Amino acid sequence: MKKDSSPLMKKDNSMNPNLKLLLPPPDEVSFAFITRSGTFTDGDLLVNKDDVQIVSQTDDESKICGRNQKNRSKLNVYHTCGSQSIQQRVEKEVQDIDKPSRIRIWVITHLSNKGLPVNEVVKSYASQVIDGTLDMNDDDIFVQIFGPEKHRHVRGYGVGVIHSELFGSSSKVHDLERRLNESKKISSRI
């Protein structure tokens, strides 16, 4: 059986002093060791110096981290996509439908795989969405339950999808409505 060679030990099985790093108390210095390999013994971190990267945190980064932590604590409606984007999750779940509705996308991304809501807020929204699907279209349901859409963002489609890409620009819509009304007038005369 081959004996494992460790970069932490010398050939004579004594500790290599160049590889032993002691972590300072957290109140002295604000940094962390990120390692690819290493072992913990008696509170000391034993790693190869080539595997260590020291990451410091500036005051600006600390402010950003604090702000992000505060905003995350306000979050009520959790999505269940994990590290996948909404588009990836939808493509994985819905392969037979050409273009799934906003309601279907919301259900896929906010309910667990078993169809259960992740918290009470999602449960109340899910019941409102399911009850509202009987007599309204998708856009009416979303506006009624979640409020009006924000500029340059379409709720339920993830990052990067804007209203004009999905529904067309307002000038195109007005042009199509005008042409439809003209064709209705012409057909009513005949």
N, C-alpha and C. Protein backbone atom coordinates (compact mmCIF):
# COMPACT_ATOMS: atom_id res chain seq x y z
N MET A 1 0.84 -1.18 0.00
CA MET A 1 0.00 0.00 0.00
C MET A 1 0.89 1.25 0.00
N LYS A 2 0.59 2.18 -0.88
CA LYS A 2 1.41 3.37 -1.04
C LYS A 2 1.04 4.39 0.04
N LYS A 3 2.05 4.96 0.67
CA LYS A 3 1.83 5.95 1.71
C LYS A 3 1.57 7.31 1.06
N ASP A 4 0.55 8.02 1.53
CA ASP A 4 0.23 9.33 0.98
C ASP A 4 1.30 10.33 1.40
N SER A 5 1.75 11.11 0.45
CA SER A 5 2.70 12.16 0.78
C SER A 5 1.93 13.45 0.96
N SER A 6 2.22 14.16 2.01
CA SER A 6 1.51 15.39 2.33
C SER A 6 2.47 16.56 2.21
N PRO A 7 2.04 17.68 1.61
CA PRO A 7 2.92 18.84 1.55
C PRO A 7 3.12 19.47 2.91
N LEU A 8 2.32 19.04 3.91
CA LEU A 8 2.43 19.62 5.23
C LEU A 8 3.54 18.98 6.05
N MET A 9 3.98 17.81 5.65
CA MET A 9 4.97 17.07 6.43
C MET A 9 6.27 16.94 5.63
N LYS A 10 7.37 16.95 6.36
CA LYS A 10 8.65 16.68 5.73
C LYS A 10 8.80 15.18 5.55
N LYS A 11 9.84 14.78 4.85
CA LYS A 11 10.05 13.35 4.63
C LYS A 11 10.29 12.59 5.92
N ASP A 12 10.84 13.26 6.93
CA ASP A 12 11.09 12.58 8.20
C ASP A 12 9.89 12.66 9.15
N ASN A 13 8.70 12.98 8.61
CA ASN A 13 7.43 13.07 9.35
C ASN A 13 7.40 14.17 10.40
N SER A 14 8.29 15.15 10.30
CA SER A 14 8.19 16.31 11.19
C SER A 14 7.44 17.42 10.45
N MET A 15 6.89 18.34 11.20
CA MET A 15 6.09 19.42 10.61
C MET A 15 7.00 20.39 9.87
N ASN A 16 6.61 20.76 8.68
CA ASN A 16 7.34 21.75 7.90
C ASN A 16 6.98 23.13 8.45
N PRO A 17 7.90 23.87 9.05
CA PRO A 17 7.56 25.15 9.69
C PRO A 17 7.14 26.22 8.70
N ASN A 18 7.51 26.11 7.45
CA ASN A 18 7.12 27.10 6.45
C ASN A 18 5.66 26.99 6.05
N LEU A 19 5.02 25.89 6.40
CA LEU A 19 3.65 25.67 5.97
C LEU A 19 2.62 25.91 7.05
N LYS A 20 3.04 26.19 8.27
CA LYS A 20 2.10 26.36 9.36
C LYS A 20 1.72 27.84 9.47
N LEU A 21 0.44 28.13 9.34
CA LEU A 21 -0.07 29.49 9.44
C LEU A 21 -1.06 29.55 10.59
N LEU A 22 -0.91 30.52 11.44
CA LEU A 22 -1.84 30.69 12.55
C LEU A 22 -2.82 31.80 12.20
N LEU A 23 -4.08 31.56 12.42
CA LEU A 23 -5.08 32.60 12.19
C LEU A 23 -5.06 33.58 13.34
N PRO A 24 -5.03 34.89 13.06
CA PRO A 24 -5.08 35.86 14.15
C PRO A 24 -6.48 35.93 14.73
N PRO A 25 -6.61 36.50 15.92
CA PRO A 25 -7.96 36.68 16.48
C PRO A 25 -8.79 37.56 15.55
N PRO A 26 -10.10 37.31 15.44
CA PRO A 26 -10.92 38.05 14.48
C PRO A 26 -11.00 39.54 14.75
N ASP A 27 -10.79 39.99 15.99
CA ASP A 27 -10.91 41.41 16.27
C ASP A 27 -9.67 42.20 15.87
N GLU A 28 -8.56 41.53 15.57
CA GLU A 28 -7.34 42.24 15.19
C GLU A 28 -7.33 42.64 13.72
N VAL A 29 -7.60 41.70 12.83
CA VAL A 29 -7.51 41.93 11.40
C VAL A 29 -8.75 41.37 10.73
N SER A 30 -9.26 42.09 9.73
CA SER A 30 -10.43 41.62 9.00
C SER A 30 -9.98 40.98 7.69
N PHE A 31 -9.69 39.69 7.70
CA PHE A 31 -9.37 38.97 6.47
C PHE A 31 -9.69 37.50 6.66
N ALA A 32 -9.65 36.76 5.56
CA ALA A 32 -9.96 35.34 5.61
C ALA A 32 -8.99 34.59 4.71
N PHE A 33 -8.75 33.33 5.03
CA PHE A 33 -7.95 32.47 4.18
C PHE A 33 -8.88 31.63 3.33
N ILE A 34 -8.65 31.62 2.04
CA ILE A 34 -9.39 30.75 1.13
C ILE A 34 -8.40 29.70 0.65
N THR A 35 -8.70 28.45 0.92
CA THR A 35 -7.74 27.41 0.61
C THR A 35 -8.32 26.38 -0.33
N ARG A 36 -7.46 25.77 -1.13
CA ARG A 36 -7.86 24.63 -1.95
C ARG A 36 -7.69 23.34 -1.17
N SER A 37 -6.74 23.32 -0.25
CA SER A 37 -6.51 22.13 0.56
C SER A 37 -5.97 22.56 1.91
N GLY A 38 -6.15 21.76 2.90
CA GLY A 38 -5.64 22.09 4.22
C GLY A 38 -6.33 21.27 5.28
N THR A 39 -5.75 21.23 6.46
CA THR A 39 -6.34 20.50 7.57
C THR A 39 -6.33 21.38 8.80
N PHE A 40 -7.26 21.17 9.69
CA PHE A 40 -7.33 21.89 10.95
C PHE A 40 -6.83 20.98 12.07
N THR A 41 -5.93 21.48 12.90
CA THR A 41 -5.51 20.74 14.09
C THR A 41 -5.32 21.73 15.22
N ASP A 42 -5.99 21.52 16.34
CA ASP A 42 -5.86 22.34 17.54
C ASP A 42 -6.04 23.83 17.26
N GLY A 43 -6.94 24.17 16.38
CA GLY A 43 -7.22 25.57 16.08
C GLY A 43 -6.25 26.22 15.12
N ASP A 44 -5.19 25.53 14.74
CA ASP A 44 -4.22 26.07 13.78
C ASP A 44 -4.60 25.60 12.38
N LEU A 45 -4.44 26.47 11.42
CA LEU A 45 -4.72 26.11 10.03
C LEU A 45 -3.41 25.73 9.36
N LEU A 46 -3.34 24.52 8.87
CA LEU A 46 -2.13 24.04 8.22
C LEU A 46 -2.38 23.94 6.73
N VAL A 47 -1.73 24.80 5.95
CA VAL A 47 -1.93 24.81 4.51
C VAL A 47 -0.61 25.09 3.81
N ASN A 48 -0.59 24.81 2.56
CA ASN A 48 0.53 25.17 1.71
C ASN A 48 0.40 26.65 1.37
N LYS A 49 1.49 27.41 1.47
CA LYS A 49 1.41 28.85 1.23
C LYS A 49 0.94 29.18 -0.18
N ASP A 50 1.20 28.30 -1.14
CA ASP A 50 0.77 28.54 -2.52
C ASP A 50 -0.74 28.43 -2.67
N ASP A 51 -1.39 27.74 -1.72
CA ASP A 51 -2.83 27.54 -1.79
C ASP A 51 -3.62 28.64 -1.08
N VAL A 52 -2.94 29.62 -0.51
CA VAL A 52 -3.62 30.63 0.31
C VAL A 52 -3.74 31.92 -0.47
N GLN A 53 -4.93 32.49 -0.40
CA GLN A 53 -5.17 33.80 -0.98
C GLN A 53 -5.76 34.66 0.14
N ILE A 54 -5.17 35.79 0.43
CA ILE A 54 -5.68 36.65 1.49
C ILE A 54 -6.66 37.62 0.86
N VAL A 55 -7.86 37.67 1.44
CA VAL A 55 -8.92 38.52 0.93
C VAL A 55 -9.21 39.56 2.00
N SER A 56 -9.00 40.81 1.68
CA SER A 56 -9.30 41.86 2.65
C SER A 56 -10.61 42.52 2.25
N GLN A 57 -11.23 43.15 3.23
CA GLN A 57 -12.51 43.79 2.98
C GLN A 57 -12.37 45.27 3.30
N THR A 58 -12.61 46.13 2.31
CA THR A 58 -12.50 47.56 2.52
C THR A 58 -13.78 48.08 3.17
N ASP A 59 -13.76 49.35 3.55
CA ASP A 59 -14.94 49.95 4.17
C ASP A 59 -16.11 49.99 3.20
N ASP A 60 -15.83 50.28 1.91
CA ASP A 60 -16.91 50.30 0.92
C ASP A 60 -17.55 48.93 0.77
N GLU A 61 -16.72 47.89 0.74
CA GLU A 61 -17.25 46.53 0.62
C GLU A 61 -18.05 46.16 1.86
N SER A 62 -17.61 46.60 3.04
CA SER A 62 -18.36 46.33 4.27
C SER A 62 -19.73 47.00 4.22
N LYS A 63 -19.79 48.23 3.71
CA LYS A 63 -21.07 48.92 3.59
C LYS A 63 -21.99 48.19 2.62
N ILE A 64 -21.43 47.74 1.50
CA ILE A 64 -22.23 47.02 0.51
C ILE A 64 -22.75 45.72 1.11
N CYS A 65 -21.89 45.00 1.83
CA CYS A 65 -22.31 43.74 2.46
C CYS A 65 -23.43 43.99 3.47
N GLY A 66 -23.29 45.05 4.25
CA GLY A 66 -24.33 45.38 5.23
C GLY A 66 -25.65 45.74 4.56
N ARG A 67 -25.56 46.53 3.47
CA ARG A 67 -26.77 46.91 2.74
C ARG A 67 -27.44 45.68 2.12
N ASN A 68 -26.64 44.79 1.53
CA ASN A 68 -27.20 43.57 0.93
C ASN A 68 -27.85 42.68 1.98
N GLN A 69 -27.22 42.58 3.15
CA GLN A 69 -27.78 41.76 4.23
C GLN A 69 -29.11 42.35 4.71
N LYS A 70 -29.18 43.67 4.81
CA LYS A 70 -30.42 44.34 5.23
C LYS A 70 -31.53 44.11 4.19
N ASN A 71 -31.20 44.26 2.90
CA ASN A 71 -32.19 44.05 1.85
C ASN A 71 -32.65 42.60 1.79
N ARG A 72 -31.73 41.67 2.01
CA ARG A 72 -32.08 40.25 1.98
C ARG A 72 -33.04 39.90 3.12
N SER A 73 -32.89 40.57 4.27
CA SER A 73 -33.79 40.28 5.39
C SER A 73 -35.21 40.77 5.11
N LYS A 74 -35.38 41.73 4.20
CA LYS A 74 -36.71 42.23 3.85
C LYS A 74 -37.43 41.34 2.84
N LEU A 75 -36.72 40.41 2.23
CA LEU A 75 -37.29 39.57 1.18
C LEU A 75 -38.37 38.65 1.74
N ASN A 76 -39.55 38.67 1.13
CA ASN A 76 -40.66 37.83 1.58
C ASN A 76 -40.97 36.70 0.62
N VAL A 77 -40.86 36.96 -0.67
CA VAL A 77 -41.24 35.98 -1.69
C VAL A 77 -39.96 35.35 -2.23
N TYR A 78 -39.70 34.13 -1.80
CA TYR A 78 -38.48 33.43 -2.21
C TYR A 78 -38.73 32.64 -3.47
N HIS A 79 -37.76 32.62 -4.38
CA HIS A 79 -37.87 31.74 -5.54
C HIS A 79 -37.11 30.46 -5.24
N THR A 80 -37.44 29.41 -5.96
CA THR A 80 -36.87 28.09 -5.70
C THR A 80 -35.96 27.65 -6.84
N CYS A 81 -35.34 28.60 -7.53
CA CYS A 81 -34.48 28.26 -8.67
C CYS A 81 -33.09 27.83 -8.25
N GLY A 82 -32.66 28.20 -7.07
CA GLY A 82 -31.29 27.89 -6.67
C GLY A 82 -30.32 28.72 -7.49
N SER A 83 -29.28 28.08 -8.00
CA SER A 83 -28.28 28.81 -8.78
C SER A 83 -28.66 28.92 -10.25
N GLN A 84 -29.75 28.27 -10.66
CA GLN A 84 -30.20 28.36 -12.05
C GLN A 84 -30.94 29.68 -12.27
N SER A 85 -30.88 30.18 -13.48
CA SER A 85 -31.67 31.35 -13.80
C SER A 85 -33.12 30.91 -14.02
N ILE A 86 -34.01 31.88 -14.04
CA ILE A 86 -35.42 31.57 -14.26
C ILE A 86 -35.61 30.91 -15.61
N GLN A 87 -34.91 31.41 -16.64
CA GLN A 87 -35.04 30.83 -17.97
C GLN A 87 -34.58 29.38 -17.99
N GLN A 88 -33.48 29.06 -17.31
CA GLN A 88 -32.99 27.68 -17.28
C GLN A 88 -33.99 26.77 -16.58
N ARG A 89 -34.57 27.24 -15.48
CA ARG A 89 -35.53 26.42 -14.73
C ARG A 89 -36.78 26.17 -15.56
N VAL A 90 -37.25 27.20 -16.26
CA VAL A 90 -38.45 27.06 -17.08
C VAL A 90 -38.19 26.09 -18.23
N GLU A 91 -37.04 26.22 -18.90
CA GLU A 91 -36.71 25.31 -20.00
C GLU A 91 -36.63 23.86 -19.52
N LYS A 92 -36.13 23.66 -18.33
CA LYS A 92 -36.02 22.32 -17.76
C LYS A 92 -37.39 21.73 -17.44
N GLU A 93 -38.29 22.54 -16.90
CA GLU A 93 -39.59 22.06 -16.46
C GLU A 93 -40.60 21.95 -17.59
N VAL A 94 -40.60 22.93 -18.49
CA VAL A 94 -41.63 23.01 -19.51
C VAL A 94 -40.99 22.83 -20.88
N GLN A 95 -40.97 21.61 -21.37
CA GLN A 95 -40.36 21.35 -22.67
C GLN A 95 -41.41 21.18 -23.76
N ASP A 96 -42.64 20.88 -23.37
CA ASP A 96 -43.67 20.61 -24.38
C ASP A 96 -44.46 21.86 -24.77
N ILE A 97 -44.40 22.92 -23.98
CA ILE A 97 -45.14 24.15 -24.28
C ILE A 97 -44.20 25.12 -24.99
N ASP A 98 -44.68 25.71 -26.08
CA ASP A 98 -43.85 26.62 -26.86
C ASP A 98 -43.47 27.86 -26.05
N LYS A 99 -44.45 28.54 -25.47
CA LYS A 99 -44.20 29.73 -24.68
C LYS A 99 -45.09 29.68 -23.45
N PRO A 100 -44.54 29.31 -22.28
CA PRO A 100 -45.37 29.19 -21.08
C PRO A 100 -45.87 30.56 -20.62
N SER A 101 -47.00 30.57 -19.96
CA SER A 101 -47.58 31.82 -19.48
C SER A 101 -46.81 32.33 -18.27
N ARG A 102 -47.03 33.60 -17.94
CA ARG A 102 -46.38 34.19 -16.78
C ARG A 102 -46.81 33.49 -15.50
N ILE A 103 -48.05 33.05 -15.45
CA ILE A 103 -48.55 32.33 -14.28
C ILE A 103 -47.78 31.02 -14.12
N ARG A 104 -47.61 30.29 -15.20
CA ARG A 104 -46.90 29.01 -15.15
C ARG A 104 -45.44 29.22 -14.74
N ILE A 105 -44.80 30.26 -15.25
CA ILE A 105 -43.42 30.57 -14.89
C ILE A 105 -43.33 30.90 -13.40
N TRP A 106 -44.28 31.70 -12.89
CA TRP A 106 -44.26 32.06 -11.47
C TRP A 106 -44.43 30.82 -10.60
N VAL A 107 -45.34 29.94 -10.98
CA VAL A 107 -45.56 28.72 -10.20
C VAL A 107 -44.31 27.85 -10.20
N ILE A 108 -43.67 27.70 -11.35
CA ILE A 108 -42.46 26.87 -11.45
C ILE A 108 -41.35 27.43 -10.57
N THR A 109 -41.19 28.74 -10.55
CA THR A 109 -40.05 29.33 -9.86
C THR A 109 -40.30 29.68 -8.40
N HIS A 110 -41.54 29.58 -7.92
CA HIS A 110 -41.81 29.96 -6.53
C HIS A 110 -42.42 28.85 -5.68
N LEU A 111 -42.74 27.73 -6.26
CA LEU A 111 -43.21 26.59 -5.48
C LEU A 111 -42.15 25.50 -5.56
N SER A 112 -42.11 24.65 -4.54
CA SER A 112 -41.12 23.57 -4.52
C SER A 112 -41.46 22.55 -5.60
N ASN A 113 -40.59 21.59 -5.79
CA ASN A 113 -40.82 20.55 -6.81
C ASN A 113 -42.07 19.75 -6.51
N LYS A 114 -42.45 19.67 -5.24
CA LYS A 114 -43.66 18.95 -4.85
C LYS A 114 -44.91 19.83 -4.96
N GLY A 115 -44.74 21.08 -5.35
CA GLY A 115 -45.86 22.00 -5.50
C GLY A 115 -46.24 22.71 -4.22
N LEU A 116 -45.40 22.65 -3.20
CA LEU A 116 -45.69 23.28 -1.92
C LEU A 116 -45.03 24.65 -1.86
N PRO A 117 -45.71 25.64 -1.27
CA PRO A 117 -45.09 26.96 -1.12
C PRO A 117 -43.98 26.93 -0.07
N VAL A 118 -43.00 27.83 -0.22
CA VAL A 118 -41.86 27.82 0.70
C VAL A 118 -42.12 28.61 1.97
N ASN A 119 -43.08 29.53 1.97
CA ASN A 119 -43.47 30.25 3.19
C ASN A 119 -44.90 30.75 3.05
N GLU A 120 -45.41 31.42 4.07
CA GLU A 120 -46.81 31.85 4.09
C GLU A 120 -47.11 32.93 3.05
N VAL A 121 -46.16 33.82 2.81
CA VAL A 121 -46.39 34.88 1.82
C VAL A 121 -46.54 34.28 0.43
N VAL A 122 -45.68 33.34 0.08
CA VAL A 122 -45.77 32.67 -1.22
C VAL A 122 -47.07 31.87 -1.30
N LYS A 123 -47.48 31.28 -0.17
CA LYS A 123 -48.73 30.51 -0.14
C LYS A 123 -49.93 31.42 -0.44
N SER A 124 -49.96 32.61 0.16
CA SER A 124 -51.09 33.52 -0.10
C SER A 124 -51.08 34.01 -1.54
N TYR A 125 -49.89 34.37 -2.07
CA TYR A 125 -49.81 34.79 -3.47
C TYR A 125 -50.20 33.65 -4.41
N ALA A 126 -49.76 32.44 -4.11
CA ALA A 126 -50.08 31.29 -4.97
C ALA A 126 -51.58 31.05 -5.00
N SER A 127 -52.24 31.15 -3.85
CA SER A 127 -53.69 30.95 -3.85
C SER A 127 -54.40 32.05 -4.63
N GLN A 128 -53.91 33.29 -4.53
CA GLN A 128 -54.51 34.39 -5.30
C GLN A 128 -54.28 34.18 -6.80
N VAL A 129 -53.09 33.74 -7.17
CA VAL A 129 -52.78 33.51 -8.58
C VAL A 129 -53.67 32.40 -9.14
N ILE A 130 -53.78 31.30 -8.40
CA ILE A 130 -54.58 30.17 -8.88
C ILE A 130 -56.05 30.54 -8.95
N ASP A 131 -56.57 31.27 -7.96
CA ASP A 131 -57.97 31.70 -7.99
C ASP A 131 -58.23 32.71 -9.10
N GLY A 132 -57.26 33.56 -9.39
CA GLY A 132 -57.44 34.60 -10.39
C GLY A 132 -57.33 34.12 -11.82
N THR A 133 -56.82 32.93 -12.04
CA THR A 133 -56.63 32.46 -13.41
C THR A 133 -57.94 32.13 -14.11
N LEU A 134 -59.01 32.03 -13.37
CA LEU A 134 -60.26 31.60 -13.98
C LEU A 134 -60.90 32.68 -14.83
N ASP A 135 -60.78 33.96 -14.44
CA ASP A 135 -61.53 34.99 -15.16
C ASP A 135 -60.68 36.15 -15.69
N MET A 136 -59.36 36.07 -15.62
CA MET A 136 -58.51 37.16 -16.10
C MET A 136 -57.34 36.59 -16.90
N ASN A 137 -56.75 37.45 -17.72
CA ASN A 137 -55.53 37.01 -18.41
C ASN A 137 -54.33 37.19 -17.49
N ASP A 138 -53.18 36.70 -17.93
CA ASP A 138 -51.99 36.69 -17.08
C ASP A 138 -51.56 38.07 -16.63
N ASP A 139 -51.57 39.04 -17.56
CA ASP A 139 -51.12 40.38 -17.21
C ASP A 139 -52.02 41.02 -16.17
N ASP A 140 -53.34 40.85 -16.30
CA ASP A 140 -54.26 41.41 -15.32
C ASP A 140 -54.04 40.81 -13.95
N ILE A 141 -53.77 39.51 -13.90
CA ILE A 141 -53.54 38.85 -12.61
C ILE A 141 -52.28 39.40 -11.96
N PHE A 142 -51.21 39.52 -12.71
CA PHE A 142 -49.97 40.02 -12.13
C PHE A 142 -50.10 41.45 -11.64
N VAL A 143 -50.75 42.31 -12.39
CA VAL A 143 -50.92 43.69 -11.96
C VAL A 143 -51.79 43.76 -10.71
N GLN A 144 -52.85 42.96 -10.65
CA GLN A 144 -53.75 42.99 -9.50
C GLN A 144 -53.06 42.46 -8.24
N ILE A 145 -52.31 41.38 -8.34
CA ILE A 145 -51.72 40.75 -7.16
C ILE A 145 -50.40 41.40 -6.76
N PHE A 146 -49.51 41.64 -7.71
CA PHE A 146 -48.17 42.10 -7.39
C PHE A 146 -47.97 43.60 -7.60
N GLY A 147 -48.95 44.30 -8.11
CA GLY A 147 -48.79 45.72 -8.35
C GLY A 147 -48.31 45.99 -9.76
N PRO A 148 -48.26 47.28 -10.15
CA PRO A 148 -47.87 47.60 -11.52
C PRO A 148 -46.41 47.23 -11.80
N GLU A 149 -46.14 47.00 -13.08
CA GLU A 149 -44.78 46.64 -13.50
C GLU A 149 -43.86 47.84 -13.33
N LYS A 150 -42.60 47.54 -13.08
CA LYS A 150 -41.59 48.59 -12.99
C LYS A 150 -40.98 48.80 -14.37
N HIS A 151 -40.43 49.98 -14.58
CA HIS A 151 -39.82 50.34 -15.85
C HIS A 151 -38.64 49.42 -16.15
N ARG A 152 -38.53 48.94 -17.36
CA ARG A 152 -37.41 48.14 -17.87
C ARG A 152 -37.27 46.79 -17.16
N HIS A 153 -38.36 46.25 -16.61
CA HIS A 153 -38.30 44.94 -15.96
C HIS A 153 -39.66 44.28 -16.09
N VAL A 154 -39.67 43.02 -16.49
CA VAL A 154 -40.91 42.27 -16.59
C VAL A 154 -40.89 41.22 -15.49
N ARG A 155 -41.79 41.35 -14.55
CA ARG A 155 -41.83 40.45 -13.41
C ARG A 155 -42.14 39.03 -13.86
N GLY A 156 -41.37 38.07 -13.35
CA GLY A 156 -41.62 36.67 -13.64
C GLY A 156 -40.77 36.08 -14.74
N TYR A 157 -39.99 36.90 -15.44
CA TYR A 157 -39.16 36.40 -16.53
C TYR A 157 -37.67 36.45 -16.23
N GLY A 158 -37.27 36.96 -15.08
CA GLY A 158 -35.86 36.99 -14.73
C GLY A 158 -35.16 38.23 -15.26
N VAL A 159 -33.85 38.23 -15.10
CA VAL A 159 -33.03 39.38 -15.48
C VAL A 159 -32.85 39.43 -16.99
N GLY A 160 -32.89 40.62 -17.55
CA GLY A 160 -32.57 40.79 -18.96
C GLY A 160 -33.76 40.86 -19.89
N VAL A 161 -34.95 40.52 -19.42
CA VAL A 161 -36.13 40.58 -20.28
C VAL A 161 -36.82 41.91 -20.03
N ILE A 162 -37.02 42.68 -21.09
CA ILE A 162 -37.71 43.96 -20.94
C ILE A 162 -39.06 43.89 -21.64
N HIS A 163 -39.93 44.81 -21.26
CA HIS A 163 -41.32 44.79 -21.71
C HIS A 163 -41.45 44.85 -23.22
N SER A 164 -40.66 45.71 -23.87
CA SER A 164 -40.79 45.87 -25.32
C SER A 164 -40.34 44.62 -26.07
N GLU A 165 -39.38 43.87 -25.52
CA GLU A 165 -38.95 42.63 -26.18
C GLU A 165 -40.04 41.56 -26.09
N LEU A 166 -40.74 41.55 -24.98
CA LEU A 166 -41.72 40.50 -24.75
C LEU A 166 -43.06 40.82 -25.40
N PHE A 167 -43.53 42.03 -25.23
CA PHE A 167 -44.86 42.40 -25.69
C PHE A 167 -44.85 43.33 -26.89
N GLY A 168 -43.68 43.79 -27.32
CA GLY A 168 -43.60 44.74 -28.42
C GLY A 168 -43.62 46.16 -27.89
N SER A 169 -43.11 47.08 -28.67
CA SER A 169 -43.09 48.47 -28.22
C SER A 169 -44.49 49.06 -28.31
N SER A 170 -44.71 50.13 -27.56
CA SER A 170 -46.03 50.74 -27.53
C SER A 170 -46.41 51.31 -28.89
N SER A 171 -45.44 51.79 -29.67
CA SER A 171 -45.76 52.32 -30.99
C SER A 171 -46.24 51.20 -31.91
N LYS A 172 -45.65 50.02 -31.81
CA LYS A 172 -46.11 48.89 -32.62
C LYS A 172 -47.51 48.48 -32.21
N VAL A 173 -47.77 48.47 -30.91
CA VAL A 173 -49.09 48.08 -30.42
C VAL A 173 -50.14 49.07 -30.90
N HIS A 174 -49.84 50.37 -30.79
CA HIS A 174 -50.79 51.38 -31.26
C HIS A 174 -51.03 51.27 -32.76
N ASP A 175 -49.97 51.01 -33.51
CA ASP A 175 -50.10 50.85 -34.95
C ASP A 175 -50.98 49.65 -35.28
N LEU A 176 -50.78 48.54 -34.60
CA LEU A 176 -51.60 47.35 -34.84
C LEU A 176 -53.06 47.58 -34.44
N GLU A 177 -53.28 48.28 -33.32
CA GLU A 177 -54.65 48.59 -32.91
C GLU A 177 -55.33 49.48 -33.94
N ARG A 178 -54.62 50.47 -34.46
CA ARG A 178 -55.18 51.37 -35.47
C ARG A 178 -55.55 50.59 -36.73
N ARG A 179 -54.67 49.70 -37.17
CA ARG A 179 -54.94 48.90 -38.36
C ARG A 179 -56.12 47.95 -38.13
N LEU A 180 -56.22 47.40 -36.93
CA LEU A 180 -57.34 46.52 -36.60
C LEU A 180 -58.66 47.29 -36.64
N ASN A 181 -58.66 48.48 -36.06
CA ASN A 181 -59.88 49.29 -36.08
C ASN A 181 -60.27 49.68 -37.50
N GLU A 182 -59.28 50.01 -38.33
CA GLU A 182 -59.57 50.33 -39.73
C GLU A 182 -60.16 49.13 -40.46
N SER A 183 -59.61 47.95 -40.22
CA SER A 183 -60.14 46.76 -40.89
C SER A 183 -61.54 46.42 -40.39
N LYS A 184 -61.83 46.68 -39.13
CA LYS A 184 -63.19 46.46 -38.60
C LYS A 184 -64.18 47.41 -39.26
N LYS A 185 -63.77 48.66 -39.43
CA LYS A 185 -64.65 49.63 -40.08
C LYS A 185 -64.93 49.22 -41.52
N ILE A 186 -63.91 48.79 -42.22
CA ILE A 186 -64.08 48.36 -43.61
C ILE A 186 -64.98 47.14 -43.69
N SER A 187 -64.77 46.18 -42.80
CA SER A 187 -65.59 44.96 -42.83
C SER A 187 -67.03 45.24 -42.42
N SER A 188 -67.26 46.23 -41.56
CA SER A 188 -68.64 46.55 -41.17
C SER A 188 -69.39 47.26 -42.30
N ARG A 189 -68.70 47.97 -43.18
CA ARG A 189 -69.33 48.63 -44.31
C ARG A 189 -69.76 47.62 -45.37
N ILE A 190 -69.05 46.53 -45.45
CA ILE A 190 -69.34 45.55 -46.50
C ILE A 190 -70.45 44.67 -46.11
